[in-house]
Amino acid sequence: MSNDSLSGHTVRLVPLSVDHAEALFPSASDPEVWRWMPRPRPESLIQMRAMLSRMLADPARRCFAVRRLADGVVIGSTSLYELDQDQGRAEIGATWFDRSCWGGPYNAESKLLLFSHAFDDLGLTRIALRTDNLNERSQQALTRLGLIYEGTLRSHMVRQDGTRRDSLYYSLLTDEWPIVRDKLLSRIAAKATASTCPGDHVRGQMATAAVAVPRKT
């Protein structure tokens, strides 16, 4: 896995390690945060470390911790997975954020950084995201960004409550990326201005800065 961090104006995506378990456990153990995740919710730091270890052991996955730039706090995680550079494709998932940061610019900028990394750095042609058929909020968000709904994998996996879920697939291709990038930049600027997440004492500065191109460090 690359040791590169991906830097924006509200967050930096840093390579995930097991050492992030303590910082990520409060959000990952929150039932509401974990509601739509297909893997079991970690109920202890031991389980959290084991989950991160399994994620990091996957050679086709690039995992990141999301660090808020305003105060350096780790507020979530996200990943590129099923990465196949020969075929020019990957998926984005295993994404969660502390509930106090929902509605802020962090998820949008994390997507911006991952898309940019995938298309501009890795030279991929296709990125896919999948979501639970009951997760209407996620479906609406992906559609608003301009991703294309491709279809549904019926009875695709088992939910944590034992019921079977359908997975809706959305994708973004490299020639569609510039339009989606512009939408993300506008969304980040608007959300940074309105954010009430703890630690955002520089909201006005971030709203102005968020229109710049993300950078790799």
Protein backbone atom coordinates (compact mmCIF):
# COMPACT_ATOMS: atom_id res chain seq x y z
CA MET A 1 0.00 0.00 0.00
CA SER A 2 1.16 3.54 -0.70
CA ASN A 3 2.35 5.62 2.26
CA ASP A 4 0.95 8.79 0.69
CA SER A 5 -1.57 10.93 2.52
CA LEU A 6 -4.27 12.73 0.55
CA SER A 7 -4.72 16.33 1.68
CA GLY A 8 -7.70 18.60 1.22
CA HIS A 9 -8.77 21.72 3.07
CA THR A 10 -11.00 20.22 5.76
CA VAL A 11 -9.53 16.70 6.03
CA ARG A 12 -6.40 14.69 5.36
CA LEU A 13 -6.69 11.00 4.50
CA VAL A 14 -3.78 9.23 6.15
CA PRO A 15 -2.86 5.56 5.69
CA LEU A 16 -4.85 3.51 8.18
CA SER A 17 -3.07 1.49 10.86
CA VAL A 18 -4.13 -0.65 13.81
CA ASP A 19 -2.91 2.22 15.98
CA HIS A 20 -6.02 4.16 14.87
CA ALA A 21 -8.28 1.66 16.67
CA GLU A 22 -8.70 3.73 19.83
CA ALA A 23 -9.54 6.90 17.91
CA LEU A 24 -12.01 5.12 15.61
CA PHE A 25 -13.71 2.90 18.17
CA PRO A 26 -16.20 5.50 19.51
CA SER A 27 -17.68 6.07 16.05
CA ALA A 28 -17.45 2.47 14.85
CA SER A 29 -19.18 1.18 18.00
CA ASP A 30 -22.08 3.63 17.58
CA PRO A 31 -25.10 1.60 16.38
CA GLU A 32 -26.48 4.52 14.36
CA VAL A 33 -23.14 5.13 12.61
CA TRP A 34 -22.83 1.42 11.85
CA ARG A 35 -26.45 0.93 10.81
CA TRP A 36 -25.84 0.23 7.12
CA MET A 37 -22.45 -1.47 7.38
CA PRO A 38 -22.47 -5.13 6.28
CA ARG A 39 -19.73 -6.24 8.69
CA PRO A 40 -20.37 -6.77 12.43
CA ARG A 41 -20.11 -3.68 14.62
CA PRO A 42 -17.00 -3.83 16.86
CA GLU A 43 -18.00 -3.96 20.52
CA SER A 44 -14.53 -3.72 22.07
CA LEU A 45 -11.10 -2.35 21.25
CA ILE A 46 -9.93 -5.93 20.70
CA GLN A 47 -12.61 -6.42 18.05
CA MET A 48 -11.79 -3.02 16.57
CA ARG A 49 -8.10 -3.89 16.20
CA ALA A 50 -9.00 -7.25 14.68
CA MET A 51 -11.30 -5.62 12.13
CA LEU A 52 -8.65 -3.09 11.12
CA SER A 53 -6.06 -5.87 10.85
CA ARG A 54 -8.30 -7.80 8.46
CA MET A 55 -8.86 -4.70 6.35
CA LEU A 56 -5.14 -3.96 6.19
CA ALA A 57 -4.29 -7.54 5.26
CA ASP A 58 -6.26 -7.27 2.00
CA PRO A 59 -3.74 -6.50 -0.78
CA ALA A 60 -6.50 -5.09 -3.03
CA ARG A 61 -7.54 -2.50 -0.43
CA ARG A 62 -6.15 0.96 0.36
CA CYS A 63 -7.44 2.05 3.74
CA PHE A 64 -7.40 5.55 5.19
CA ALA A 65 -8.16 7.25 8.48
CA VAL A 66 -9.85 10.63 8.05
CA ARG A 67 -8.12 13.33 10.09
CA ARG A 68 -9.84 16.70 10.51
CA LEU A 69 -7.38 19.47 9.73
CA ALA A 70 -8.91 22.03 12.10
CA ASP A 71 -7.77 20.12 15.19
CA GLY A 72 -6.03 16.93 14.02
CA VAL A 73 -8.76 14.63 15.38
CA VAL A 74 -9.45 11.33 13.57
CA ILE A 75 -13.17 11.46 12.73
CA GLY A 76 -13.67 8.43 10.48
CA SER A 77 -12.33 6.03 7.90
CA THR A 78 -12.76 5.20 4.22
CA SER A 79 -11.24 2.77 1.72
CA LEU A 80 -10.57 1.94 -1.88
CA TYR A 81 -11.12 -1.79 -2.26
CA GLU A 82 -11.22 -4.47 -4.95
CA LEU A 83 -8.53 -2.34 -6.59
CA ASP A 84 -7.51 -3.81 -9.95
CA GLN A 85 -5.10 -1.51 -11.72
CA ASP A 86 -4.74 -3.86 -14.68
CA GLN A 87 -8.46 -3.50 -15.35
CA GLY A 88 -8.54 0.13 -14.20
CA ARG A 89 -11.24 -0.20 -11.56
CA ALA A 90 -11.94 -0.08 -7.83
CA GLU A 91 -14.76 0.40 -5.35
CA ILE A 92 -15.11 2.86 -2.49
CA GLY A 93 -16.58 1.72 0.80
CA ALA A 94 -16.03 0.90 4.49
CA THR A 95 -16.73 4.59 5.05
CA TRP A 96 -17.95 5.95 8.37
CA PHE A 97 -17.75 9.21 10.32
CA ASP A 98 -18.37 10.23 13.88
CA ARG A 99 -22.02 11.14 14.19
CA SER A 100 -21.19 14.65 15.42
CA CYS A 101 -19.66 15.35 11.99
CA TRP A 102 -22.59 14.25 9.87
CA GLY A 103 -23.74 16.99 7.54
CA GLY A 104 -20.34 18.65 7.45
CA PRO A 105 -17.90 18.80 4.53
CA TYR A 106 -15.86 15.76 5.56
CA ASN A 107 -17.56 12.93 3.69
CA ALA A 108 -17.82 15.03 0.53
CA GLU A 109 -14.16 16.01 0.64
CA SER A 110 -13.11 12.43 1.42
CA LYS A 111 -14.94 11.34 -1.74
CA LEU A 112 -13.25 14.15 -3.68
CA LEU A 113 -9.82 13.03 -2.47
CA LEU A 114 -10.46 9.35 -3.22
CA PHE A 115 -11.89 10.04 -6.67
CA SER A 116 -8.95 12.30 -7.46
CA HIS A 117 -6.50 9.67 -6.22
CA ALA A 118 -8.20 6.96 -8.26
CA PHE A 119 -8.51 8.84 -11.54
CA ASP A 120 -5.61 11.30 -11.45
CA ASP A 121 -2.94 9.37 -9.51
CA LEU A 122 -3.75 5.72 -10.22
CA GLY A 123 -5.12 6.24 -13.71
CA LEU A 124 -8.27 4.20 -13.08
CA THR A 125 -11.17 4.27 -15.53
CA ARG A 126 -14.02 3.24 -13.24
CA ILE A 127 -15.03 3.67 -9.60
CA ALA A 128 -18.06 1.93 -8.12
CA LEU A 129 -20.00 2.41 -4.89
CA ARG A 130 -22.71 0.14 -3.54
CA THR A 131 -25.38 0.74 -0.95
CA ASP A 132 -28.20 -1.06 0.84
CA ASN A 133 -31.53 -0.90 -0.96
CA LEU A 134 -33.09 0.48 2.24
CA ASN A 135 -30.51 3.27 2.58
CA GLU A 136 -32.40 5.93 0.65
CA ARG A 137 -30.23 8.76 2.00
CA SER A 138 -27.12 7.22 0.47
CA GLN A 139 -28.88 6.57 -2.84
CA GLN A 140 -30.06 10.18 -3.07
CA ALA A 141 -26.59 11.50 -2.23
CA LEU A 142 -24.91 9.40 -4.92
CA THR A 143 -27.48 10.48 -7.50
CA ARG A 144 -27.05 14.16 -6.60
CA LEU A 145 -23.32 13.85 -7.17
CA GLY A 146 -23.93 12.61 -10.70
CA LEU A 147 -23.00 8.97 -10.25
CA ILE A 148 -24.86 6.56 -12.51
CA TYR A 149 -27.14 3.86 -11.09
CA GLU A 150 -26.17 0.63 -12.82
CA GLY A 151 -28.43 -1.98 -11.29
CA THR A 152 -29.26 -4.08 -8.26
CA LEU A 153 -27.66 -7.28 -7.01
CA ARG A 154 -30.60 -9.07 -5.46
CA SER A 155 -30.17 -10.83 -2.11
CA HIS A 156 -26.53 -9.81 -2.31
CA MET A 157 -25.48 -10.13 1.34
CA VAL A 158 -26.71 -10.67 4.87
CA ARG A 159 -27.42 -7.67 7.07
CA GLN A 160 -26.37 -7.61 10.72
CA ASP A 161 -29.95 -8.43 11.75
CA GLY A 162 -29.92 -11.59 9.61
CA THR A 163 -32.14 -10.28 6.82
CA ARG A 164 -30.83 -10.32 3.27
CA ARG A 165 -30.15 -7.06 1.48
CA ASP A 166 -30.18 -6.03 -2.13
CA SER A 167 -27.15 -3.95 -3.12
CA LEU A 168 -27.61 -1.00 -5.47
CA TYR A 169 -24.55 -0.22 -7.58
CA TYR A 170 -23.50 3.25 -8.75
CA SER A 171 -20.46 4.11 -10.83
CA LEU A 172 -18.31 6.98 -12.00
CA LEU A 173 -16.13 6.88 -15.12
CA THR A 174 -13.05 8.92 -15.80
CA ASP A 175 -14.70 11.10 -18.48
CA GLU A 176 -17.52 11.90 -16.01
CA TRP A 177 -15.12 12.83 -13.24
CA PRO A 178 -14.65 16.57 -14.06
CA ILE A 179 -18.39 17.28 -13.72
CA VAL A 180 -18.62 15.33 -10.45
CA ARG A 181 -15.48 17.08 -9.18
CA ASP A 182 -17.09 20.48 -9.71
CA LYS A 183 -20.25 19.38 -7.87
CA LEU A 184 -18.18 18.09 -4.97
CA LEU A 185 -16.17 21.29 -4.73
CA SER A 186 -19.37 23.35 -4.57
CA ARG A 187 -20.86 21.05 -1.95
CA ILE A 188 -17.72 21.17 0.20
CA ALA A 189 -17.65 24.96 0.14
CA ALA A 190 -21.33 25.17 1.16
CA LYS A 191 -21.02 22.56 3.91
CA ALA A 192 -17.81 24.06 5.31
CA THR A 193 -19.60 27.39 5.74
CA ALA A 194 -22.55 25.79 7.57
CA SER A 195 -20.64 23.16 9.58
CA THR A 196 -21.18 22.95 13.35
CA CYS A 197 -18.88 19.99 13.94
CA PRO A 198 -16.65 20.40 17.05
CA GLY A 199 -13.22 21.73 16.17
CA ASP A 200 -14.31 23.77 13.15
CA HIS A 201 -13.19 27.15 14.36
CA VAL A 202 -11.93 28.04 10.88
CA ARG A 203 -15.14 27.41 8.94
CA GLY A 204 -15.04 30.61 6.96
CA GLN A 205 -11.46 30.02 5.82
CA MET A 206 -12.27 26.44 4.79
CA ALA A 207 -15.29 27.50 2.77
CA THR A 208 -13.11 29.77 0.66
CA ALA A 209 -10.21 27.33 0.39
CA ALA A 210 -12.32 24.32 -0.54
CA VAL A 211 -12.60 25.41 -4.16
CA ALA A 212 -8.92 24.54 -4.75
CA VAL A 213 -7.73 21.27 -6.27
CA PRO A 214 -6.91 18.57 -3.65
CA ARG A 215 -3.29 17.58 -3.26
CA LYS A 216 -1.29 14.46 -2.40
CA THR A 217 1.41 14.69 0.28
